[in-house]
Amino acid sequence: MKRKPTSSPSADGLPPVDTRDSEAVWRFVEGCFRRMHPRCRTSRLQSVFSLIVDIFSGRHPDYARNDLRYHDLEHTMQATVCLVSLLEGRRISAVQPAIDARRCELAIVAVLLHDSGYLRLRGDRKGTGAKYTFCHVLRSGVLAASHLPVLGFDRDDVEIVLQAINCTGPRADVPRVPFRDPADRILGCAVTTADFLAQMAAPDYPDELPLLFAEFRECDEFTRIPPAKRDFRSARQLQRDTPEFWKVFVRRKLESDFLAVYRFLARPWPGGPNPYIDAVERNIAEISRRNAAGA
């Protein structure tokens, strides 16, 4: 089951953009960027955006079309919408250190590329991209490092993007990452926050947990993890453990490891509701209801 369009304001309060429509997402991203940095060009950013859409859609000569149903192009679009909303909220708040146009651009580039490591090369015909779950962050970094210089990004740009992508790894210890600049740490925290919140706030997140489990299972089989040592042995276990995952693991990281940058998603800032946190809480409540009912 795929999520419903979000092209108009809805009860969940998330940004009014249809994340299944990459052109609509680009218009949203460009609009937010121009409001934050009206004197800056968006040509490089648009080039990366087009690259990601082409790669996921199978229009790149080196990569096969994305064949995952959970970590698909829409997930990347959702994370991108969440990130630019967060960055815009932070700019409105005027807190320090400020995120300049260059770093804003690099943060968006990082979130666009963060799951590109799930994609298979055209000659790779065994299984799906899910088999790369355990190393997809590393593969995303390789793709970024090989493509960004061609699009006009220098070595320092690439380093910042790679650090932000690395922060999204499930075992990343973000507080220990040796960032050169405090602003770069904020970028890593913002990208990772958007990655978590975008997927868990999606309207159909409770229905898509079996798709996520299928990706975990293929990766475990590919990497030859014995069933007894797997994190999840069934889709039902994944569903059962998700409320605790949110309350014990994700919420703690959002508050401490990721510097609580999720607060900048509040609309209006600072006292308005936070539509992403509210949407996740509704999803967790629904998953808990299903668990109690034995669904």
Foldseek 3Di string as FASTA:
>chain_A
DDFDAQCDQDPLRAPRFGLVDLVRLVVLLVVLLCVLPVVDDCVLLVVLSVVLVCQCCQNDQWWGHADADQPGSSLLSLLLSQLSLLLSLVVVVVDPPRQDSLNSSLLSSLSSLLQVLLIDTPVDDPDGSLLCLQPSLVSSLVVLVVPSVVSPDDPVSSVLSNLLSQLLHPPDQLVPDDDPDPSSSLSSLSSNLSSVLSLLLGPCNLVCLQSVVVSQVSNCVSVVPPLVPGPDNHSLVVLVCVLVCVPPPVVVCCVPVSVVSLCSCAPPPHPHDRSSVSSNVVSSVVSVVCVVVVD
